Amino acid sequence: MKLLVLIPVFTAIIFASVSANQPNKEVINAVEYNSVINTSNVKKIKKKKPVWLKPGVIGTTLVVDGKPFVIARNQDRKHLIAKIYQKTGRGIIKPMHPFKPHAVETIAEHEMISYISRLSSKKGDVVVVDARKSIWPTLTGSLPGAIHVPFHRFKKNKKYALETLEDEFGVVINNKGEMDFSNAKTLAVYCNGNWCKMSPELIWALLDYGYPAHKIKYYRGGMQAWQLLGLTTVD
């Protein structure tokens, strides 16, 4: 079951600090509006301790592609992670810093939310990248604002890779094929989880092209950790 907490929310600035005992009213309205839980559960939530995003804050409103999105955790305390992520035997566990000696930073949820929040800045200096094969976004949804760059296509199709570097990532390529990374964007890259190879494979391919390591961020927890915390996804 996909978690879809948002879509546009029609309030000004939602989700500042809230009291220790009661969830922010707009959060409950947003959750109810998007049919994540039914009305009876909303009434129960008002009487229970909220599921916090961080101390004193249930969620945050971001603007992605000109639309406001609320990123919050599912307020239904009985909500379960999707079955597709319940298997424990997948893949090989990736170390915390798998790209040494390259200085690629490993990030977690709060950092990823921060990068998503920068998508609406005038600088346009951040891209959130879903590195998975095409079937996965269909099955699980994606992070708000993410663009889809399948790792295997980027690795095997040089024309696609160069077009992506130029059109999406801010790399300037001259007629000789020389690359200028002066204005390259910061990439926050994810796949399915710390057992999944897809985002590491894409990151290694980026490094092979000479992409600056300090402009690549590896969200190791990926979609599995995002869903485990009940955070917002979009179709």
C-alpha atoms as a PDB file:
ATOM      1  CA  MET A   1       0.000   0.000   0.000  1.00  0.00           C
ATOM      2  CA  LYS A   2       1.418   3.358  -1.034  1.00  0.00           C
ATOM      3  CA  LEU A   3       1.616   6.222   1.409  1.00  0.00           C
ATOM      4  CA  LEU A   4       0.308   9.349  -0.217  1.00  0.00           C
ATOM      5  CA  VAL A   5       0.047  12.020   2.430  1.00  0.00           C
ATOM      6  CA  LEU A   6      -0.114  15.000   0.190  1.00  0.00           C
ATOM      7  CA  ILE A   7      -0.806  16.615  -3.066  1.00  0.00           C
ATOM      8  CA  PRO A   8      -1.423  20.335  -2.960  1.00  0.00           C
ATOM      9  CA  VAL A   9      -2.498  21.686   0.417  1.00  0.00           C
ATOM     10  CA  PHE A  10      -4.368  24.940   0.357  1.00  0.00           C
ATOM     11  CA  THR A  11      -3.073  26.716   3.417  1.00  0.00           C
ATOM     12  CA  ALA A  12      -0.435  29.364   3.731  1.00  0.00           C
ATOM     13  CA  ILE A  13       2.481  28.285   5.864  1.00  0.00           C
ATOM     14  CA  ILE A  14       1.519  25.087   7.634  1.00  0.00           C
ATOM     15  CA  PHE A  15       3.386  23.251  10.307  1.00  0.00           C
ATOM     16  CA  ALA A  16       5.278  25.485  12.568  1.00  0.00           C
ATOM     17  CA  SER A  17       5.751  24.451  16.163  1.00  0.00           C
ATOM     18  CA  VAL A  18       2.819  22.737  17.824  1.00  0.00           C
ATOM     19  CA  SER A  19       1.941  21.988  21.401  1.00  0.00           C
ATOM     20  CA  ALA A  20       3.277  18.906  23.131  1.00  0.00           C
ATOM     21  CA  ASN A  21      -0.138  17.250  23.384  1.00  0.00           C
ATOM     22  CA  GLN A  22      -2.113  18.184  20.297  1.00  0.00           C
ATOM     23  CA  PRO A  23      -1.319  17.836  16.578  1.00  0.00           C
ATOM     24  CA  ASN A  24      -1.446  20.904  14.380  1.00  0.00           C
ATOM     25  CA  LYS A  25      -5.011  21.354  13.073  1.00  0.00           C
ATOM     26  CA  GLU A  26      -3.888  21.915   9.493  1.00  0.00           C
ATOM     27  CA  VAL A  27      -1.940  18.651   9.567  1.00  0.00           C
ATOM     28  CA  ILE A  28      -5.046  16.703  10.498  1.00  0.00           C
ATOM     29  CA  ASN A  29      -7.017  18.510   7.792  1.00  0.00           C
ATOM     30  CA  ALA A  30      -4.324  17.768   5.217  1.00  0.00           C
ATOM     31  CA  VAL A  31      -4.224  14.097   6.141  1.00  0.00           C
ATOM     32  CA  GLU A  32      -8.003  13.833   6.051  1.00  0.00           C
ATOM     33  CA  TYR A  33      -8.203  15.734   2.763  1.00  0.00           C
ATOM     34  CA  ASN A  34      -5.873  13.281   1.085  1.00  0.00           C
ATOM     35  CA  SER A  35      -7.768  10.214   2.352  1.00  0.00           C
ATOM     36  CA  VAL A  36      -4.830   8.574   4.054  1.00  0.00           C
ATOM     37  CA  ILE A  37      -7.035   7.833   7.026  1.00  0.00           C
ATOM     38  CA  ASN A  38     -10.770   8.116   7.480  1.00  0.00           C
ATOM     39  CA  THR A  39     -12.684  10.721   9.468  1.00  0.00           C
ATOM     40  CA  SER A  40     -13.169   8.519  12.528  1.00  0.00           C
ATOM     41  CA  ASN A  41      -9.412   7.992  12.769  1.00  0.00           C
ATOM     42  CA  VAL A  42      -8.835  11.727  12.445  1.00  0.00           C
ATOM     43  CA  LYS A  43     -11.010  12.281  15.516  1.00  0.00           C
ATOM     44  CA  LYS A  44      -9.005   9.670  17.418  1.00  0.00           C
ATOM     45  CA  ILE A  45      -5.710  11.249  16.382  1.00  0.00           C
ATOM     46  CA  LYS A  46      -6.782  14.567  17.877  1.00  0.00           C
ATOM     47  CA  LYS A  47      -6.876  12.843  21.258  1.00  0.00           C
ATOM     48  CA  LYS A  48      -3.574  10.970  20.888  1.00  0.00           C
ATOM     49  CA  LYS A  49       0.059  11.890  20.816  1.00  0.00           C
ATOM     50  CA  PRO A  50       1.033  12.945  17.270  1.00  0.00           C
ATOM     51  CA  VAL A  51       3.662  11.184  15.190  1.00  0.00           C
ATOM     52  CA  TRP A  52       6.370  13.832  15.174  1.00  0.00           C
ATOM     53  CA  LEU A  53       8.658  14.768  12.299  1.00  0.00           C
ATOM     54  CA  LYS A  54      11.004  16.329  14.846  1.00  0.00           C
ATOM     55  CA  PRO A  55      10.456  17.674  18.375  1.00  0.00           C
ATOM     56  CA  GLY A  56       7.522  20.081  18.376  1.00  0.00           C
ATOM     57  CA  VAL A  57       6.921  19.808  14.619  1.00  0.00           C
ATOM     58  CA  ILE A  58       4.554  17.387  12.904  1.00  0.00           C
ATOM     59  CA  GLY A  59       5.475  18.328   9.350  1.00  0.00           C
ATOM     60  CA  THR A  60       6.714  20.967   6.967  1.00  0.00           C
ATOM     61  CA  THR A  61       5.319  22.613   3.857  1.00  0.00           C
ATOM     62  CA  LEU A  62       7.545  22.673   0.779  1.00  0.00           C
ATOM     63  CA  VAL A  63       6.984  24.042  -2.701  1.00  0.00           C
ATOM     64  CA  VAL A  64       7.812  21.573  -5.485  1.00  0.00           C
ATOM     65  CA  ASP A  65       7.233  22.445  -9.135  1.00  0.00           C
ATOM     66  CA  GLY A  66       5.224  25.442  -8.008  1.00  0.00           C
ATOM     67  CA  LYS A  67       2.905  23.388  -5.809  1.00  0.00           C
ATOM     68  CA  PRO A  68       2.846  23.288  -2.015  1.00  0.00           C
ATOM     69  CA  PHE A  69       3.418  19.852  -0.516  1.00  0.00           C
ATOM     70  CA  VAL A  70       3.214  18.817   3.082  1.00  0.00           C
ATOM     71  CA  ILE A  71       5.904  16.388   4.172  1.00  0.00           C
ATOM     72  CA  ALA A  72       4.801  14.633   7.339  1.00  0.00           C
ATOM     73  CA  ARG A  73       4.653  11.193   8.869  1.00  0.00           C
ATOM     74  CA  ASN A  74       1.480   9.149   8.654  1.00  0.00           C
ATOM     75  CA  GLN A  75      -0.572  10.023  11.738  1.00  0.00           C
ATOM     76  CA  ASP A  76      -2.254   6.615  11.892  1.00  0.00           C
ATOM     77  CA  ARG A  77      -0.216   4.731  14.500  1.00  0.00           C
ATOM     78  CA  LYS A  78      -1.498   1.404  13.121  1.00  0.00           C
ATOM     79  CA  HIS A  79      -0.170   2.119   9.633  1.00  0.00           C
ATOM     80  CA  LEU A  80       2.219  -0.573   8.313  1.00  0.00           C
ATOM     81  CA  ILE A  81       5.055  -0.433   5.814  1.00  0.00           C
ATOM     82  CA  ALA A  82       4.260  -1.721   2.319  1.00  0.00           C
ATOM     83  CA  LYS A  83       4.636  -5.491   1.916  1.00  0.00           C
ATOM     84  CA  ILE A  84       7.139  -5.030  -0.881  1.00  0.00           C
ATOM     85  CA  TYR A  85       9.643  -3.793   1.713  1.00  0.00           C
ATOM     86  CA  GLN A  86       9.033  -6.478   4.323  1.00  0.00           C
ATOM     87  CA  LYS A  87      11.452  -9.050   2.903  1.00  0.00           C
ATOM     88  CA  THR A  88      14.723  -9.103   4.822  1.00  0.00           C
ATOM     89  CA  GLY A  89      16.850 -11.164   2.440  1.00  0.00           C
ATOM     90  CA  ARG A  90      17.445  -8.653  -0.335  1.00  0.00           C
ATOM     91  CA  GLY A  91      20.770  -7.369  -1.565  1.00  0.00           C
ATOM     92  CA  ILE A  92      24.050  -6.766   0.233  1.00  0.00           C
ATOM     93  CA  ILE A  93      24.213  -4.225   3.047  1.00  0.00           C
ATOM     94  CA  LYS A  94      26.088  -1.126   1.925  1.00  0.00           C
ATOM     95  CA  PRO A  95      28.602   0.491   4.298  1.00  0.00           C
ATOM     96  CA  MET A  96      27.909   3.987   5.569  1.00  0.00           C
ATOM     97  CA  HIS A  97      30.524   5.484   3.227  1.00  0.00           C
ATOM     98  CA  PRO A  98      30.788   3.142   0.223  1.00  0.00           C
ATOM     99  CA  PHE A  99      32.475   5.611  -2.135  1.00  0.00           C
ATOM    100  CA  LYS A 100      35.807   6.136  -0.382  1.00  0.00           C
ATOM    101  CA  PRO A 101      38.156   7.812  -1.136  1.00  0.00           C
ATOM    102  CA  HIS A 102      35.578  10.025  -2.868  1.00  0.00           C
ATOM    103  CA  ALA A 103      33.974  12.510  -0.484  1.00  0.00           C
ATOM    104  CA  VAL A 104      30.360  11.590  -1.231  1.00  0.00           C
ATOM    105  CA  GLU A 105      28.273  12.458   1.822  1.00  0.00           C
ATOM    106  CA  THR A 106      25.809   9.916   3.213  1.00  0.00           C
ATOM    107  CA  ILE A 107      22.595  11.578   4.378  1.00  0.00           C
ATOM    108  CA  ALA A 108      19.450  10.609   6.288  1.00  0.00           C
ATOM    109  CA  GLU A 109      15.826  11.759   6.290  1.00  0.00           C
ATOM    110  CA  HIS A 110      16.133  15.274   7.709  1.00  0.00           C
ATOM    111  CA  GLU A 111      18.905  16.087   5.250  1.00  0.00           C
ATOM    112  CA  MET A 112      16.854  14.701   2.350  1.00  0.00           C
ATOM    113  CA  ILE A 113      13.872  16.824   3.402  1.00  0.00           C
ATOM    114  CA  SER A 114      16.205  19.827   3.465  1.00  0.00           C
ATOM    115  CA  TYR A 115      17.344  19.106  -0.093  1.00  0.00           C
ATOM    116  CA  ILE A 116      13.739  18.681  -1.240  1.00  0.00           C
ATOM    117  CA  SER A 117      12.979  22.072   0.322  1.00  0.00           C
ATOM    118  CA  ARG A 118      15.703  23.629  -1.838  1.00  0.00           C
ATOM    119  CA  LEU A 119      14.065  22.472  -5.062  1.00  0.00           C
ATOM    120  CA  SER A 120      11.918  25.602  -5.083  1.00  0.00           C
ATOM    121  CA  SER A 121      14.792  28.035  -4.510  1.00  0.00           C
ATOM    122  CA  LYS A 122      15.651  30.521  -7.243  1.00  0.00           C
ATOM    123  CA  LYS A 123      19.168  29.114  -7.396  1.00  0.00           C
ATOM    124  CA  GLY A 124      17.894  25.804  -8.757  1.00  0.00           C
ATOM    125  CA  ASP A 125      21.077  24.185  -7.501  1.00  0.00           C
ATOM    126  CA  VAL A 126      19.638  20.880  -6.220  1.00  0.00           C
ATOM    127  CA  VAL A 127      18.211  17.788  -7.931  1.00  0.00           C
ATOM    128  CA  VAL A 128      16.629  14.863  -6.075  1.00  0.00           C
ATOM    129  CA  VAL A 129      17.350  11.743  -8.129  1.00  0.00           C
ATOM    130  CA  ASP A 130      15.467   8.447  -8.089  1.00  0.00           C
ATOM    131  CA  ALA A 131      18.044   6.000  -9.476  1.00  0.00           C
ATOM    132  CA  ARG A 132      15.779   2.951  -9.590  1.00  0.00           C
ATOM    133  CA  LYS A 133      14.552   0.955 -12.555  1.00  0.00           C
ATOM    134  CA  SER A 134      11.231   2.158 -13.929  1.00  0.00           C
ATOM    135  CA  ILE A 135       9.074  -0.468 -12.234  1.00  0.00           C
ATOM    136  CA  TRP A 136       9.961   0.733  -8.730  1.00  0.00           C
ATOM    137  CA  PRO A 137       8.442   4.250  -8.795  1.00  0.00           C
ATOM    138  CA  THR A 138       5.278   2.642 -10.147  1.00  0.00           C
ATOM    139  CA  LEU A 139       5.202   0.157  -7.267  1.00  0.00           C
ATOM    140  CA  THR A 140       6.196   2.434  -4.394  1.00  0.00           C
ATOM    141  CA  GLY A 141       5.823   6.041  -5.478  1.00  0.00           C
ATOM    142  CA  SER A 142       8.700   8.519  -5.330  1.00  0.00           C
ATOM    143  CA  LEU A 143      10.004  11.253  -3.080  1.00  0.00           C
ATOM    144  CA  PRO A 144       8.383  14.646  -3.735  1.00  0.00           C
ATOM    145  CA  GLY A 145      10.148  16.500  -6.539  1.00  0.00           C
ATOM    146  CA  ALA A 146      12.408  13.627  -7.561  1.00  0.00           C
ATOM    147  CA  ILE A 147      13.378  13.116 -11.184  1.00  0.00           C
ATOM    148  CA  HIS A 148      13.827   9.584 -12.488  1.00  0.00           C
ATOM    149  CA  VAL A 149      17.287   8.662 -13.807  1.00  0.00           C
ATOM    150  CA  PRO A 150      17.463   4.853 -14.093  1.00  0.00           C
ATOM    151  CA  PHE A 151      20.969   3.785 -13.103  1.00  0.00           C
ATOM    152  CA  HIS A 152      21.303   1.068 -15.751  1.00  0.00           C
ATOM    153  CA  ARG A 153      20.314   3.386 -18.593  1.00  0.00           C
ATOM    154  CA  PHE A 154      22.740   6.072 -17.411  1.00  0.00           C
ATOM    155  CA  LYS A 155      25.558   3.509 -17.286  1.00  0.00           C
ATOM    156  CA  LYS A 156      24.882   1.806 -20.631  1.00  0.00           C
ATOM    157  CA  ASN A 157      23.619   4.668 -22.813  1.00  0.00           C
ATOM    158  CA  LYS A 158      26.272   7.368 -23.165  1.00  0.00           C
ATOM    159  CA  LYS A 159      24.005   9.649 -25.179  1.00  0.00           C
ATOM    160  CA  TYR A 160      21.363   9.519 -22.441  1.00  0.00           C
ATOM    161  CA  ALA A 161      24.001  10.067 -19.757  1.00  0.00           C
ATOM    162  CA  LEU A 162      25.438  13.141 -21.483  1.00  0.00           C
ATOM    163  CA  GLU A 163      21.987  14.589 -22.105  1.00  0.00           C
ATOM    164  CA  THR A 164      21.098  14.070 -18.452  1.00  0.00           C
ATOM    165  CA  LEU A 165      24.334  15.675 -17.278  1.00  0.00           C
ATOM    166  CA  GLU A 166      23.650  18.729 -19.454  1.00  0.00           C
ATOM    167  CA  ASP A 167      19.882  19.086 -19.277  1.00  0.00           C
ATOM    168  CA  GLU A 168      19.224  18.040 -15.683  1.00  0.00           C
ATOM    169  CA  PHE A 169      22.457  18.338 -13.702  1.00  0.00           C
ATOM    170  CA  GLY A 170      23.883  21.641 -14.954  1.00  0.00           C
ATOM    171  CA  VAL A 171      27.056  20.300 -16.565  1.00  0.00           C
ATOM    172  CA  VAL A 172      28.378  22.224 -19.586  1.00  0.00           C
ATOM    173  CA  ILE A 173      29.839  20.048 -22.346  1.00  0.00           C
ATOM    174  CA  ASN A 174      31.698  21.687 -25.236  1.00  0.00           C
ATOM    175  CA  ASN A 175      32.138  20.471 -28.813  1.00  0.00           C
ATOM    176  CA  LYS A 176      35.225  18.500 -27.829  1.00  0.00           C
ATOM    177  CA  GLY A 177      33.284  16.594 -25.179  1.00  0.00           C
ATOM    178  CA  GLU A 178      35.077  18.382 -22.340  1.00  0.00           C
ATOM    179  CA  MET A 179      32.939  18.853 -19.240  1.00  0.00           C
ATOM    180  CA  ASP A 180      32.685  21.939 -17.073  1.00  0.00           C
ATOM    181  CA  PHE A 181      31.279  21.150 -13.619  1.00  0.00           C
ATOM    182  CA  SER A 182      31.497  24.732 -12.317  1.00  0.00           C
ATOM    183  CA  ASN A 183      27.718  25.052 -12.123  1.00  0.00           C
ATOM    184  CA  ALA A 184      26.938  21.378 -11.560  1.00  0.00           C
ATOM    185  CA  LYS A 185      23.986  20.901  -9.227  1.00  0.00           C
ATOM    186  CA  THR A 186      23.979  19.114  -5.908  1.00  0.00           C
ATOM    187  CA  LEU A 187      22.438  15.671  -6.409  1.00  0.00           C
ATOM    188  CA  ALA A 188      20.565  13.903  -3.598  1.00  0.00           C
ATOM    189  CA  VAL A 189      20.408  10.328  -4.898  1.00  0.00           C
ATOM    190  CA  TYR A 190      18.347   7.437  -3.550  1.00  0.00           C
ATOM    191  CA  CYS A 191      17.068   3.979  -4.438  1.00  0.00           C
ATOM    192  CA  ASN A 192      15.299   1.330  -2.342  1.00  0.00           C
ATOM    193  CA  GLY A 193      17.439   1.017   0.767  1.00  0.00           C
ATOM    194  CA  ASN A 194      20.809   0.209   2.292  1.00  0.00           C
ATOM    195  CA  TRP A 195      20.748  -3.191   0.596  1.00  0.00           C
ATOM    196  CA  CYS A 196      20.008  -1.778  -2.864  1.00  0.00           C
ATOM    197  CA  LYS A 197      22.734  -1.278  -5.471  1.00  0.00           C
ATOM    198  CA  MET A 198      20.926   1.081  -7.845  1.00  0.00           C
ATOM    199  CA  SER A 199      21.850   4.479  -6.376  1.00  0.00           C
ATOM    200  CA  PRO A 200      25.456   3.397  -5.629  1.00  0.00           C
ATOM    201  CA  GLU A 201      25.790   2.230  -9.246  1.00  0.00           C
ATOM    202  CA  LEU A 202      24.522   5.588 -10.514  1.00  0.00           C
ATOM    203  CA  ILE A 203      26.837   7.465  -8.159  1.00  0.00           C
ATOM    204  CA  TRP A 204      29.865   5.467  -9.312  1.00  0.00           C
ATOM    205  CA  ALA A 205      28.927   6.241 -12.924  1.00  0.00           C
ATOM    206  CA  LEU A 206      28.691   9.954 -12.073  1.00  0.00           C
ATOM    207  CA  LEU A 207      32.110   9.827 -10.431  1.00  0.00           C
ATOM    208  CA  ASP A 208      33.536   8.104 -13.526  1.00  0.00           C
ATOM    209  CA  TYR A 209      32.332  11.077 -15.596  1.00  0.00           C
ATOM    210  CA  GLY A 210      34.170  13.373 -13.205  1.00  0.00           C
ATOM    211  CA  TYR A 211      31.184  14.683 -11.294  1.00  0.00           C
ATOM    212  CA  PRO A 212      32.395  16.479  -8.117  1.00  0.00           C
ATOM    213  CA  ALA A 213      32.017  14.099  -5.182  1.00  0.00           C
ATOM    214  CA  HIS A 214      31.105  16.889  -2.763  1.00  0.00           C
ATOM    215  CA  LYS A 215      28.066  17.660  -4.919  1.00  0.00           C
ATOM    216  CA  ILE A 216      26.701  14.108  -4.601  1.00  0.00           C
ATOM    217  CA  LYS A 217      24.636  13.082  -1.556  1.00  0.00           C
ATOM    218  CA  TYR A 218      23.781   9.424  -0.957  1.00  0.00           C
ATOM    219  CA  TYR A 219      20.491   8.783   0.844  1.00  0.00           C
ATOM    220  CA  ARG A 220      21.432   5.317   2.060  1.00  0.00           C
ATOM    221  CA  GLY A 221      18.079   4.501   3.706  1.00  0.00           C
ATOM    222  CA  GLY A 222      16.216   5.064   0.443  1.00  0.00           C
ATOM    223  CA  MET A 223      12.535   4.459  -0.103  1.00  0.00           C
ATOM    224  CA  GLN A 224      12.376   1.626   2.428  1.00  0.00           C
ATOM    225  CA  ALA A 225      13.523   3.855   5.294  1.00  0.00           C
ATOM    226  CA  TRP A 226      11.336   6.718   4.016  1.00  0.00           C
ATOM    227  CA  GLN A 227       8.267   4.478   4.092  1.00  0.00           C
ATOM    228  CA  LEU A 228       9.308   2.845   7.376  1.00  0.00           C
ATOM    229  CA  LEU A 229       8.953   6.298   8.959  1.00  0.00           C
ATOM    230  CA  GLY A 230       5.610   6.900   7.246  1.00  0.00           C
ATOM    231  CA  LEU A 231       6.901   9.879   5.285  1.00  0.00           C
ATOM    232  CA  THR A 232       5.156  11.406   2.298  1.00  0.00           C
ATOM    233  CA  THR A 233       5.474   9.879  -1.159  1.00  0.00           C
ATOM    234  CA  VAL A 234       3.922  10.900  -4.476  1.00  0.00           C
ATOM    235  CA  ASP A 235       2.853   8.967  -7.562  1.00  0.00           C
END
